[in-house]
Amino acid sequence: MKRAIFFSLCLCASSLLWSQTTYEQYVEQAIALAEADSLEQAEECFKQALKLAPKDYRNALVFNNLGRVQEAKIGRAVQQECRDR
């Protein structure tokens, strides 16, 4: 019985580890979303990457890309505001 419980716990833990998104996956997904003009989702993926590895040496590029996404969102909002007038 104890072995069955232990095996079940190990199986659950390993499935959780395999299902976790990595830093690289978040960044790659964010770039793909930004290129597809899904700016809200791209911004969230960049932020998740930063949360996952706040001291990663590549974060300068992530911050740069996050800023570009946010800039594009502001540009989109300004264009929408101008059209609405």
N, C-alpha and C. Protein backbone atom coordinates (compact mmCIF):
# COMPACT_ATOMS: atom_id res chain seq x y z
N MET A 1 0.83 -1.20 0.00
CA MET A 1 0.00 0.00 0.00
C MET A 1 0.86 1.25 0.00
N LYS A 2 1.92 1.24 0.85
CA LYS A 2 2.80 2.40 0.91
C LYS A 2 3.52 2.62 -0.42
N ARG A 3 3.87 1.53 -1.08
CA ARG A 3 4.53 1.64 -2.38
C ARG A 3 3.60 2.26 -3.41
N ALA A 4 2.35 1.89 -3.37
CA ALA A 4 1.38 2.42 -4.32
C ALA A 4 1.19 3.92 -4.11
N ILE A 5 1.12 4.34 -2.86
CA ILE A 5 0.98 5.77 -2.56
C ILE A 5 2.24 6.52 -2.98
N PHE A 6 3.40 5.95 -2.66
CA PHE A 6 4.66 6.58 -3.05
C PHE A 6 4.76 6.70 -4.57
N PHE A 7 4.41 5.65 -5.29
CA PHE A 7 4.45 5.65 -6.74
C PHE A 7 3.50 6.71 -7.30
N SER A 8 2.31 6.81 -6.73
CA SER A 8 1.33 7.81 -7.18
C SER A 8 1.86 9.23 -6.96
N LEU A 9 2.47 9.46 -5.81
CA LEU A 9 3.04 10.78 -5.52
C LEU A 9 4.18 11.12 -6.49
N CYS A 10 5.04 10.14 -6.76
CA CYS A 10 6.14 10.36 -7.71
C CYS A 10 5.60 10.65 -9.11
N LEU A 11 4.58 9.94 -9.50
CA LEU A 11 3.98 10.14 -10.81
C LEU A 11 3.37 11.54 -10.92
N CYS A 12 2.68 11.97 -9.88
CA CYS A 12 2.09 13.31 -9.88
C CYS A 12 3.17 14.39 -9.91
N ALA A 13 4.21 14.21 -9.13
CA ALA A 13 5.29 15.19 -9.09
C ALA A 13 6.01 15.29 -10.43
N SER A 14 6.25 14.15 -11.05
CA SER A 14 6.93 14.19 -12.34
C SER A 14 6.07 14.82 -13.42
N SER A 15 4.77 14.59 -13.37
CA SER A 15 3.89 15.21 -14.37
C SER A 15 3.83 16.72 -14.17
N LEU A 16 3.91 17.17 -12.93
CA LEU A 16 3.95 18.61 -12.67
C LEU A 16 5.23 19.22 -13.19
N LEU A 17 6.35 18.54 -13.01
CA LEU A 17 7.62 19.05 -13.49
C LEU A 17 7.64 19.13 -15.01
N TRP A 18 7.10 18.15 -15.67
CA TRP A 18 7.10 18.14 -17.12
C TRP A 18 6.13 19.15 -17.70
N SER A 19 5.08 19.50 -16.95
CA SER A 19 4.08 20.42 -17.49
C SER A 19 4.45 21.87 -17.25
N GLN A 20 5.48 22.14 -16.43
CA GLN A 20 5.86 23.51 -16.17
C GLN A 20 6.52 24.13 -17.39
N THR A 21 6.15 25.35 -17.66
CA THR A 21 6.72 26.07 -18.78
C THR A 21 8.07 26.64 -18.36
N THR A 22 9.06 26.52 -19.21
CA THR A 22 10.39 27.01 -18.89
C THR A 22 10.54 28.46 -19.32
N TYR A 23 11.61 29.07 -18.85
CA TYR A 23 11.94 30.45 -19.21
C TYR A 23 12.00 30.59 -20.73
N GLU A 24 12.73 29.69 -21.37
CA GLU A 24 12.89 29.74 -22.82
C GLU A 24 11.57 29.61 -23.55
N GLN A 25 10.70 28.73 -23.05
CA GLN A 25 9.40 28.54 -23.68
C GLN A 25 8.54 29.80 -23.56
N TYR A 26 8.59 30.45 -22.40
CA TYR A 26 7.84 31.70 -22.25
C TYR A 26 8.34 32.76 -23.22
N VAL A 27 9.66 32.89 -23.33
CA VAL A 27 10.22 33.90 -24.22
C VAL A 27 9.88 33.59 -25.67
N GLU A 28 10.06 32.35 -26.08
CA GLU A 28 9.74 31.97 -27.46
C GLU A 28 8.26 32.18 -27.77
N GLN A 29 7.41 31.81 -26.82
CA GLN A 29 5.97 31.99 -27.01
C GLN A 29 5.64 33.48 -27.10
N ALA A 30 6.27 34.29 -26.26
CA ALA A 30 6.01 35.73 -26.26
C ALA A 30 6.41 36.35 -27.60
N ILE A 31 7.55 35.95 -28.12
CA ILE A 31 8.00 36.48 -29.41
C ILE A 31 7.03 36.09 -30.52
N ALA A 32 6.61 34.84 -30.52
CA ALA A 32 5.65 34.39 -31.53
C ALA A 32 4.33 35.15 -31.42
N LEU A 33 3.88 35.37 -30.19
CA LEU A 33 2.62 36.11 -29.99
C LEU A 33 2.77 37.57 -30.43
N ALA A 34 3.91 38.17 -30.14
CA ALA A 34 4.13 39.56 -30.56
C ALA A 34 4.14 39.66 -32.08
N GLU A 35 4.79 38.71 -32.74
CA GLU A 35 4.82 38.70 -34.20
C GLU A 35 3.43 38.49 -34.79
N ALA A 36 2.58 37.78 -34.06
CA ALA A 36 1.20 37.54 -34.50
C ALA A 36 0.26 38.66 -34.07
N ASP A 37 0.83 39.71 -33.47
CA ASP A 37 0.09 40.90 -33.01
C ASP A 37 -0.86 40.59 -31.85
N SER A 38 -0.54 39.59 -31.06
CA SER A 38 -1.28 39.29 -29.83
C SER A 38 -0.50 39.91 -28.68
N LEU A 39 -0.58 41.23 -28.59
CA LEU A 39 0.29 41.98 -27.70
C LEU A 39 0.01 41.74 -26.22
N GLU A 40 -1.25 41.61 -25.85
CA GLU A 40 -1.59 41.37 -24.44
C GLU A 40 -0.99 40.06 -23.95
N GLN A 41 -1.15 39.02 -24.76
CA GLN A 41 -0.63 37.71 -24.37
C GLN A 41 0.90 37.69 -24.41
N ALA A 42 1.50 38.39 -25.37
CA ALA A 42 2.95 38.47 -25.44
C ALA A 42 3.51 39.15 -24.20
N GLU A 43 2.86 40.24 -23.81
CA GLU A 43 3.30 40.96 -22.60
C GLU A 43 3.25 40.04 -21.38
N GLU A 44 2.18 39.27 -21.25
CA GLU A 44 2.04 38.37 -20.11
C GLU A 44 3.12 37.28 -20.13
N CYS A 45 3.44 36.74 -21.30
CA CYS A 45 4.48 35.71 -21.38
C CYS A 45 5.85 36.28 -21.02
N PHE A 46 6.16 37.49 -21.48
CA PHE A 46 7.42 38.11 -21.09
C PHE A 46 7.49 38.30 -19.58
N LYS A 47 6.39 38.74 -18.99
CA LYS A 47 6.36 38.94 -17.54
C LYS A 47 6.52 37.62 -16.79
N GLN A 48 5.92 36.56 -17.30
CA GLN A 48 6.06 35.24 -16.67
C GLN A 48 7.52 34.77 -16.73
N ALA A 49 8.18 35.01 -17.86
CA ALA A 49 9.59 34.63 -17.97
C ALA A 49 10.42 35.38 -16.93
N LEU A 50 10.14 36.67 -16.76
CA LEU A 50 10.87 37.46 -15.78
C LEU A 50 10.62 36.99 -14.36
N LYS A 51 9.40 36.58 -14.08
CA LYS A 51 9.07 36.07 -12.74
C LYS A 51 9.77 34.73 -12.49
N LEU A 52 9.83 33.93 -13.53
CA LEU A 52 10.41 32.59 -13.40
C LEU A 52 11.92 32.65 -13.15
N ALA A 53 12.60 33.59 -13.79
CA ALA A 53 14.06 33.69 -13.65
C ALA A 53 14.46 35.16 -13.55
N PRO A 54 14.20 35.80 -12.41
CA PRO A 54 14.45 37.23 -12.30
C PRO A 54 15.91 37.64 -12.41
N LYS A 55 16.84 36.71 -12.21
CA LYS A 55 18.26 37.05 -12.26
C LYS A 55 18.95 36.51 -13.51
N ASP A 56 18.18 36.08 -14.48
CA ASP A 56 18.76 35.51 -15.70
C ASP A 56 19.51 36.60 -16.48
N TYR A 57 20.65 36.26 -17.00
CA TYR A 57 21.47 37.23 -17.72
C TYR A 57 20.82 37.70 -19.02
N ARG A 58 19.85 36.98 -19.53
CA ARG A 58 19.18 37.36 -20.77
C ARG A 58 18.01 38.31 -20.56
N ASN A 59 17.75 38.66 -19.32
CA ASN A 59 16.58 39.50 -19.03
C ASN A 59 16.65 40.89 -19.65
N ALA A 60 17.84 41.37 -19.96
CA ALA A 60 17.93 42.68 -20.63
C ALA A 60 17.18 42.64 -21.96
N LEU A 61 17.33 41.54 -22.68
CA LEU A 61 16.61 41.40 -23.95
C LEU A 61 15.12 41.23 -23.71
N VAL A 62 14.76 40.51 -22.67
CA VAL A 62 13.34 40.32 -22.36
C VAL A 62 12.70 41.67 -22.00
N PHE A 63 13.40 42.47 -21.19
CA PHE A 63 12.88 43.80 -20.86
C PHE A 63 12.76 44.67 -22.10
N ASN A 64 13.74 44.57 -23.00
CA ASN A 64 13.68 45.34 -24.24
C ASN A 64 12.46 44.94 -25.06
N ASN A 65 12.25 43.63 -25.21
CA ASN A 65 11.10 43.15 -25.98
C ASN A 65 9.78 43.50 -25.29
N LEU A 66 9.77 43.43 -23.97
CA LEU A 66 8.56 43.81 -23.23
C LEU A 66 8.24 45.28 -23.47
N GLY A 67 9.27 46.13 -23.46
CA GLY A 67 9.06 47.55 -23.73
C GLY A 67 8.53 47.80 -25.13
N ARG A 68 9.02 47.05 -26.09
CA ARG A 68 8.53 47.20 -27.47
C ARG A 68 7.07 46.79 -27.59
N VAL A 69 6.71 45.72 -26.89
CA VAL A 69 5.31 45.28 -26.90
C VAL A 69 4.42 46.33 -26.26
N GLN A 70 4.85 46.88 -25.13
CA GLN A 70 4.07 47.90 -24.44
C GLN A 70 3.97 49.17 -25.29
N GLU A 71 5.04 49.51 -25.98
CA GLU A 71 5.03 50.67 -26.88
C GLU A 71 4.03 50.44 -28.02
N ALA A 72 4.01 49.24 -28.56
CA ALA A 72 3.06 48.92 -29.63
C ALA A 72 1.62 48.97 -29.12
N LYS A 73 1.41 48.54 -27.89
CA LYS A 73 0.07 48.62 -27.31
C LYS A 73 -0.38 50.06 -27.16
N ILE A 74 0.54 50.93 -26.72
CA ILE A 74 0.20 52.36 -26.58
C ILE A 74 -0.10 52.95 -27.95
N GLY A 75 0.71 52.61 -28.94
CA GLY A 75 0.47 53.09 -30.30
C GLY A 75 -0.88 52.65 -30.82
N ARG A 76 -1.23 51.42 -30.55
CA ARG A 76 -2.54 50.91 -30.96
C ARG A 76 -3.67 51.67 -30.27
N ALA A 77 -3.50 51.95 -28.98
CA ALA A 77 -4.53 52.68 -28.23
C ALA A 77 -4.67 54.11 -28.75
N VAL A 78 -3.57 54.75 -29.09
CA VAL A 78 -3.62 56.11 -29.62
C VAL A 78 -4.32 56.12 -30.98
N GLN A 79 -4.00 55.17 -31.83
CA GLN A 79 -4.66 55.08 -33.12
C GLN A 79 -6.15 54.87 -32.97
N GLN A 80 -6.54 54.02 -32.03
CA GLN A 80 -7.95 53.76 -31.79
C GLN A 80 -8.64 55.03 -31.30
N GLU A 81 -7.98 55.75 -30.42
CA GLU A 81 -8.54 57.01 -29.88
C GLU A 81 -8.73 58.03 -31.02
N CYS A 82 -7.77 58.11 -31.92
CA CYS A 82 -7.88 59.04 -33.05
C CYS A 82 -9.02 58.65 -33.98
N ARG A 83 -9.19 57.35 -34.20
CA ARG A 83 -10.29 56.89 -35.06
C ARG A 83 -11.65 57.15 -34.45
N ASP A 84 -11.71 57.08 -33.13
CA ASP A 84 -12.98 57.26 -32.43
C ASP A 84 -13.45 58.71 -32.43
N ARG A 85 -12.55 59.63 -32.68
CA ARG A 85 -12.91 61.05 -32.64
C ARG A 85 -13.58 61.47 -33.87
